[in-house]
Amino acid sequence: MESILGKRLKNLREQHGYLQKFVADKIGVRSNTLSGYENGTRSPDPEMLVRLADLYKVTTDYLLGKSDDPYLTEEEAFEAFKNSPDLERWYKELPKSKEEDIRRLKRIWEAFKDDE
């Protein structure tokens, strides 16, 4: 029996035109592991679920069937950006609570988002 997670992962991969090998390489697993996620015989751990959601730019709630809205809200997308290891290239020390730092990071986010 196919899980909702498996169906959604397979549908998203196909919508993006990705081969299983490409997705598996992007998220750091073997193709047979990804196949297991898609056919419901394996379950990704929470970290892997986040990687998959980031790859497809959808929420983990969508992947898990808790939401039918696949897309990140602006705030959720910013949070994902803020917590991304890729951000270290531009912003070495993330702000803790300084409002100006958060505004500066938001401007970086806007530039990054517009560049995609």
N, C-alpha and C. Protein backbone atom coordinates (compact mmCIF):
# COMPACT_ATOMS: atom_id res chain seq x y z
N MET A 1 0.84 -1.19 0.00
CA MET A 1 0.00 0.00 0.00
C MET A 1 0.88 1.24 0.00
N GLU A 2 0.65 2.14 -0.93
CA GLU A 2 1.42 3.36 -1.05
C GLU A 2 0.99 4.38 0.00
N SER A 3 1.94 4.99 0.64
CA SER A 3 1.64 6.01 1.65
C SER A 3 1.43 7.36 0.98
N ILE A 4 0.79 8.28 1.71
CA ILE A 4 0.61 9.62 1.17
C ILE A 4 1.97 10.28 0.95
N LEU A 5 2.91 10.02 1.87
CA LEU A 5 4.27 10.55 1.72
C LEU A 5 4.88 10.02 0.43
N GLY A 6 4.79 8.73 0.21
CA GLY A 6 5.36 8.13 -0.99
C GLY A 6 4.74 8.70 -2.26
N LYS A 7 3.43 8.82 -2.27
CA LYS A 7 2.74 9.38 -3.45
C LYS A 7 3.21 10.80 -3.72
N ARG A 8 3.28 11.58 -2.66
CA ARG A 8 3.67 12.98 -2.85
C ARG A 8 5.12 13.11 -3.29
N LEU A 9 6.00 12.30 -2.73
CA LEU A 9 7.40 12.35 -3.16
C LEU A 9 7.54 11.98 -4.63
N LYS A 10 6.85 10.94 -5.03
CA LYS A 10 6.92 10.51 -6.43
C LYS A 10 6.32 11.57 -7.36
N ASN A 11 5.16 12.11 -6.98
CA ASN A 11 4.52 13.15 -7.80
C ASN A 11 5.40 14.39 -7.92
N LEU A 12 6.00 14.81 -6.82
CA LEU A 12 6.87 15.99 -6.87
C LEU A 12 8.09 15.74 -7.75
N ARG A 13 8.68 14.56 -7.61
CA ARG A 13 9.85 14.24 -8.43
C ARG A 13 9.49 14.28 -9.91
N GLU A 14 8.35 13.67 -10.25
CA GLU A 14 7.92 13.65 -11.64
C GLU A 14 7.54 15.04 -12.15
N GLN A 15 6.89 15.84 -11.31
CA GLN A 15 6.53 17.21 -11.70
C GLN A 15 7.77 18.03 -12.02
N HIS A 16 8.84 17.79 -11.29
CA HIS A 16 10.09 18.52 -11.52
C HIS A 16 10.91 17.91 -12.66
N GLY A 17 10.50 16.74 -13.13
CA GLY A 17 11.23 16.09 -14.21
C GLY A 17 12.54 15.47 -13.75
N TYR A 18 12.62 15.12 -12.47
CA TYR A 18 13.85 14.55 -11.92
C TYR A 18 13.82 13.03 -12.00
N LEU A 19 14.98 12.45 -12.26
CA LEU A 19 15.15 11.00 -12.15
C LEU A 19 15.42 10.67 -10.69
N GLN A 20 15.11 9.43 -10.30
CA GLN A 20 15.38 9.03 -8.92
C GLN A 20 16.86 9.20 -8.57
N LYS A 21 17.73 8.87 -9.48
CA LYS A 21 19.17 8.99 -9.22
C LYS A 21 19.56 10.43 -8.90
N PHE A 22 19.00 11.38 -9.63
CA PHE A 22 19.30 12.79 -9.39
C PHE A 22 18.87 13.19 -7.98
N VAL A 23 17.63 12.86 -7.61
CA VAL A 23 17.11 13.22 -6.29
C VAL A 23 17.93 12.52 -5.20
N ALA A 24 18.20 11.24 -5.39
CA ALA A 24 18.97 10.48 -4.41
C ALA A 24 20.34 11.13 -4.19
N ASP A 25 21.01 11.52 -5.27
CA ASP A 25 22.31 12.18 -5.16
C ASP A 25 22.19 13.51 -4.43
N LYS A 26 21.14 14.27 -4.74
CA LYS A 26 20.93 15.59 -4.12
C LYS A 26 20.73 15.49 -2.61
N ILE A 27 20.02 14.45 -2.18
CA ILE A 27 19.72 14.35 -0.74
C ILE A 27 20.67 13.40 0.00
N GLY A 28 21.58 12.76 -0.75
CA GLY A 28 22.60 11.94 -0.12
C GLY A 28 22.19 10.54 0.28
N VAL A 29 21.34 9.91 -0.54
CA VAL A 29 20.96 8.51 -0.30
C VAL A 29 21.13 7.73 -1.60
N ARG A 30 20.99 6.42 -1.51
CA ARG A 30 21.04 5.58 -2.70
C ARG A 30 19.67 5.60 -3.39
N SER A 31 19.66 5.32 -4.66
CA SER A 31 18.41 5.30 -5.43
C SER A 31 17.40 4.32 -4.85
N ASN A 32 17.88 3.15 -4.37
CA ASN A 32 16.94 2.18 -3.82
C ASN A 32 16.31 2.67 -2.51
N THR A 33 17.03 3.52 -1.77
CA THR A 33 16.46 4.11 -0.55
C THR A 33 15.34 5.08 -0.93
N LEU A 34 15.62 5.93 -1.92
CA LEU A 34 14.59 6.86 -2.38
C LEU A 34 13.39 6.09 -2.92
N SER A 35 13.63 5.03 -3.66
CA SER A 35 12.55 4.20 -4.17
C SER A 35 11.70 3.67 -3.02
N GLY A 36 12.34 3.27 -1.94
CA GLY A 36 11.62 2.80 -0.77
C GLY A 36 10.75 3.88 -0.15
N TYR A 37 11.26 5.12 -0.14
CA TYR A 37 10.45 6.24 0.36
C TYR A 37 9.21 6.41 -0.52
N GLU A 38 9.44 6.34 -1.83
CA GLU A 38 8.34 6.59 -2.77
C GLU A 38 7.30 5.47 -2.80
N ASN A 39 7.72 4.24 -2.56
CA ASN A 39 6.74 3.15 -2.60
C ASN A 39 6.22 2.77 -1.21
N GLY A 40 6.68 3.48 -0.19
CA GLY A 40 6.15 3.30 1.15
C GLY A 40 6.75 2.17 1.96
N THR A 41 7.83 1.56 1.47
CA THR A 41 8.45 0.48 2.23
C THR A 41 9.52 0.99 3.19
N ARG A 42 9.91 2.24 3.05
CA ARG A 42 10.88 2.88 3.94
C ARG A 42 10.35 4.24 4.32
N SER A 43 10.79 4.72 5.49
CA SER A 43 10.40 6.05 5.95
C SER A 43 11.64 6.89 6.18
N PRO A 44 11.67 8.11 5.64
CA PRO A 44 12.82 8.97 5.89
C PRO A 44 12.83 9.45 7.33
N ASP A 45 14.04 9.64 7.88
CA ASP A 45 14.12 10.20 9.22
C ASP A 45 13.79 11.69 9.13
N PRO A 46 13.59 12.36 10.26
CA PRO A 46 13.19 13.79 10.21
C PRO A 46 14.15 14.67 9.41
N GLU A 47 15.45 14.46 9.54
CA GLU A 47 16.42 15.27 8.80
C GLU A 47 16.25 15.07 7.29
N MET A 48 16.04 13.83 6.88
CA MET A 48 15.87 13.54 5.46
C MET A 48 14.56 14.13 4.95
N LEU A 49 13.53 14.10 5.78
CA LEU A 49 12.26 14.69 5.40
C LEU A 49 12.43 16.19 5.13
N VAL A 50 13.22 16.85 5.95
CA VAL A 50 13.49 18.27 5.75
C VAL A 50 14.27 18.49 4.45
N ARG A 51 15.24 17.64 4.18
CA ARG A 51 16.01 17.76 2.92
C ARG A 51 15.09 17.62 1.70
N LEU A 52 14.19 16.66 1.76
CA LEU A 52 13.25 16.45 0.65
C LEU A 52 12.33 17.66 0.50
N ALA A 53 11.82 18.17 1.60
CA ALA A 53 10.95 19.35 1.55
C ALA A 53 11.70 20.54 0.97
N ASP A 54 12.96 20.71 1.39
CA ASP A 54 13.77 21.82 0.86
C ASP A 54 14.02 21.66 -0.63
N LEU A 55 14.33 20.46 -1.06
CA LEU A 55 14.59 20.20 -2.47
C LEU A 55 13.39 20.59 -3.33
N TYR A 56 12.20 20.18 -2.88
CA TYR A 56 10.99 20.43 -3.66
C TYR A 56 10.31 21.75 -3.31
N LYS A 57 10.88 22.46 -2.31
CA LYS A 57 10.32 23.74 -1.85
C LYS A 57 8.85 23.60 -1.42
N VAL A 58 8.62 22.59 -0.61
CA VAL A 58 7.30 22.36 -0.03
C VAL A 58 7.47 22.21 1.48
N THR A 59 6.36 22.19 2.18
CA THR A 59 6.43 22.01 3.63
C THR A 59 6.50 20.52 3.98
N THR A 60 7.08 20.25 5.13
CA THR A 60 7.08 18.87 5.62
C THR A 60 5.65 18.44 5.93
N ASP A 61 4.82 19.37 6.37
CA ASP A 61 3.41 19.04 6.62
C ASP A 61 2.74 18.56 5.35
N TYR A 62 3.07 19.17 4.23
CA TYR A 62 2.50 18.73 2.95
C TYR A 62 2.97 17.30 2.63
N LEU A 63 4.27 17.05 2.77
CA LEU A 63 4.80 15.72 2.48
C LEU A 63 4.14 14.65 3.35
N LEU A 64 3.88 15.00 4.60
CA LEU A 64 3.30 14.04 5.55
C LEU A 64 1.79 13.92 5.46
N GLY A 65 1.16 14.76 4.65
CA GLY A 65 -0.29 14.70 4.51
C GLY A 65 -1.05 15.50 5.55
N LYS A 66 -0.34 16.32 6.33
CA LYS A 66 -1.00 17.14 7.34
C LYS A 66 -1.57 18.43 6.74
N SER A 67 -1.15 18.73 5.53
CA SER A 67 -1.62 19.92 4.83
C SER A 67 -1.74 19.58 3.35
N ASP A 68 -2.72 20.17 2.71
CA ASP A 68 -2.84 20.00 1.26
C ASP A 68 -2.20 21.16 0.51
N ASP A 69 -1.65 22.14 1.25
CA ASP A 69 -0.97 23.28 0.64
C ASP A 69 0.53 22.99 0.63
N PRO A 70 1.10 22.73 -0.54
CA PRO A 70 2.50 22.31 -0.58
C PRO A 70 3.53 23.41 -0.36
N TYR A 71 3.13 24.66 -0.51
CA TYR A 71 4.14 25.71 -0.57
C TYR A 71 4.40 26.36 0.77
N LEU A 72 5.62 26.74 0.93
CA LEU A 72 6.03 27.43 2.13
C LEU A 72 5.44 28.82 2.17
N THR A 73 5.04 29.23 3.35
CA THR A 73 4.65 30.63 3.51
C THR A 73 5.93 31.45 3.42
N GLU A 74 5.80 32.73 3.24
CA GLU A 74 6.97 33.61 3.16
C GLU A 74 7.82 33.47 4.43
N GLU A 75 7.17 33.45 5.57
CA GLU A 75 7.89 33.33 6.84
C GLU A 75 8.58 31.97 6.96
N GLU A 76 7.91 30.91 6.55
CA GLU A 76 8.51 29.58 6.59
C GLU A 76 9.70 29.49 5.64
N ALA A 77 9.57 30.09 4.47
CA ALA A 77 10.67 30.09 3.51
C ALA A 77 11.86 30.85 4.06
N PHE A 78 11.60 31.99 4.71
CA PHE A 78 12.68 32.78 5.31
C PHE A 78 13.36 31.98 6.42
N GLU A 79 12.59 31.29 7.25
CA GLU A 79 13.16 30.49 8.33
C GLU A 79 14.04 29.37 7.76
N ALA A 80 13.58 28.73 6.69
CA ALA A 80 14.37 27.68 6.06
C ALA A 80 15.67 28.26 5.51
N PHE A 81 15.59 29.44 4.91
CA PHE A 81 16.77 30.12 4.40
C PHE A 81 17.72 30.46 5.53
N LYS A 82 17.17 31.02 6.60
CA LYS A 82 17.97 31.46 7.74
C LYS A 82 18.71 30.28 8.38
N ASN A 83 18.11 29.11 8.36
CA ASN A 83 18.71 27.94 8.99
C ASN A 83 19.51 27.07 8.02
N SER A 84 19.62 27.49 6.78
CA SER A 84 20.33 26.71 5.77
C SER A 84 21.84 26.81 5.96
N PRO A 85 22.54 25.67 5.89
CA PRO A 85 24.00 25.72 5.97
C PRO A 85 24.62 26.50 4.81
N ASP A 86 23.92 26.58 3.67
CA ASP A 86 24.44 27.34 2.53
C ASP A 86 24.56 28.83 2.84
N LEU A 87 23.80 29.30 3.80
CA LEU A 87 23.82 30.72 4.15
C LEU A 87 25.18 31.16 4.68
N GLU A 88 25.94 30.23 5.23
CA GLU A 88 27.23 30.59 5.81
C GLU A 88 28.16 31.27 4.82
N ARG A 89 27.92 31.05 3.53
CA ARG A 89 28.76 31.72 2.52
C ARG A 89 28.61 33.23 2.58
N TRP A 90 27.41 33.71 2.97
CA TRP A 90 27.15 35.15 2.95
C TRP A 90 27.08 35.78 4.33
N TYR A 91 26.73 35.01 5.29
CA TYR A 91 26.44 35.57 6.60
C TYR A 91 27.03 34.64 7.64
N LYS A 92 28.23 34.95 8.12
CA LYS A 92 28.96 34.02 8.99
C LYS A 92 28.30 33.80 10.34
N GLU A 93 27.81 34.86 10.96
CA GLU A 93 27.20 34.70 12.28
C GLU A 93 25.75 35.15 12.23
N LEU A 94 24.86 34.21 12.43
CA LEU A 94 23.44 34.55 12.35
C LEU A 94 23.01 35.36 13.56
N PRO A 95 22.10 36.30 13.34
CA PRO A 95 21.65 37.13 14.45
C PRO A 95 20.86 36.30 15.47
N LYS A 96 20.98 36.72 16.71
CA LYS A 96 20.24 36.04 17.77
C LYS A 96 18.95 36.80 18.06
N SER A 97 19.04 38.11 18.25
CA SER A 97 17.82 38.85 18.55
C SER A 97 17.87 40.31 18.10
N LYS A 98 18.97 40.75 17.55
CA LYS A 98 19.07 42.14 17.14
C LYS A 98 18.18 42.40 15.93
N GLU A 99 17.29 43.33 16.09
CA GLU A 99 16.31 43.59 15.03
C GLU A 99 16.98 44.06 13.73
N GLU A 100 18.02 44.86 13.84
CA GLU A 100 18.70 45.33 12.62
C GLU A 100 19.35 44.16 11.88
N ASP A 101 19.91 43.22 12.61
CA ASP A 101 20.50 42.05 11.96
C ASP A 101 19.44 41.23 11.24
N ILE A 102 18.27 41.11 11.84
CA ILE A 102 17.18 40.38 11.20
C ILE A 102 16.75 41.12 9.93
N ARG A 103 16.66 42.43 9.99
CA ARG A 103 16.29 43.20 8.78
C ARG A 103 17.35 43.02 7.69
N ARG A 104 18.63 43.04 8.07
CA ARG A 104 19.69 42.86 7.09
C ARG A 104 19.60 41.46 6.47
N LEU A 105 19.36 40.47 7.30
CA LEU A 105 19.22 39.12 6.80
C LEU A 105 18.01 38.99 5.89
N LYS A 106 16.92 39.69 6.20
CA LYS A 106 15.74 39.69 5.33
C LYS A 106 16.09 40.26 3.95
N ARG A 107 16.90 41.32 3.91
CA ARG A 107 17.30 41.89 2.63
C ARG A 107 18.14 40.89 1.83
N ILE A 108 19.01 40.17 2.51
CA ILE A 108 19.79 39.12 1.84
C ILE A 108 18.84 38.07 1.29
N TRP A 109 17.86 37.68 2.10
CA TRP A 109 16.85 36.68 1.69
C TRP A 109 16.11 37.15 0.45
N GLU A 110 15.69 38.40 0.42
CA GLU A 110 14.96 38.92 -0.74
C GLU A 110 15.83 38.85 -1.99
N ALA A 111 17.09 39.22 -1.88
CA ALA A 111 18.00 39.17 -3.03
C ALA A 111 18.21 37.72 -3.47
N PHE A 112 18.38 36.83 -2.52
CA PHE A 112 18.57 35.42 -2.82
C PHE A 112 17.34 34.86 -3.52
N LYS A 113 16.17 35.17 -3.00
CA LYS A 113 14.92 34.66 -3.52
C LYS A 113 14.68 35.16 -4.95
N ASP A 114 14.98 36.42 -5.20
CA ASP A 114 14.78 37.00 -6.52
C ASP A 114 15.75 36.43 -7.55
N ASP A 115 16.91 35.94 -7.07
CA ASP A 115 17.94 35.42 -7.97
C ASP A 115 17.64 34.00 -8.44
N GLU A 116 16.72 33.29 -7.76
CA GLU A 116 16.44 31.89 -8.11
C GLU A 116 15.74 31.75 -9.39
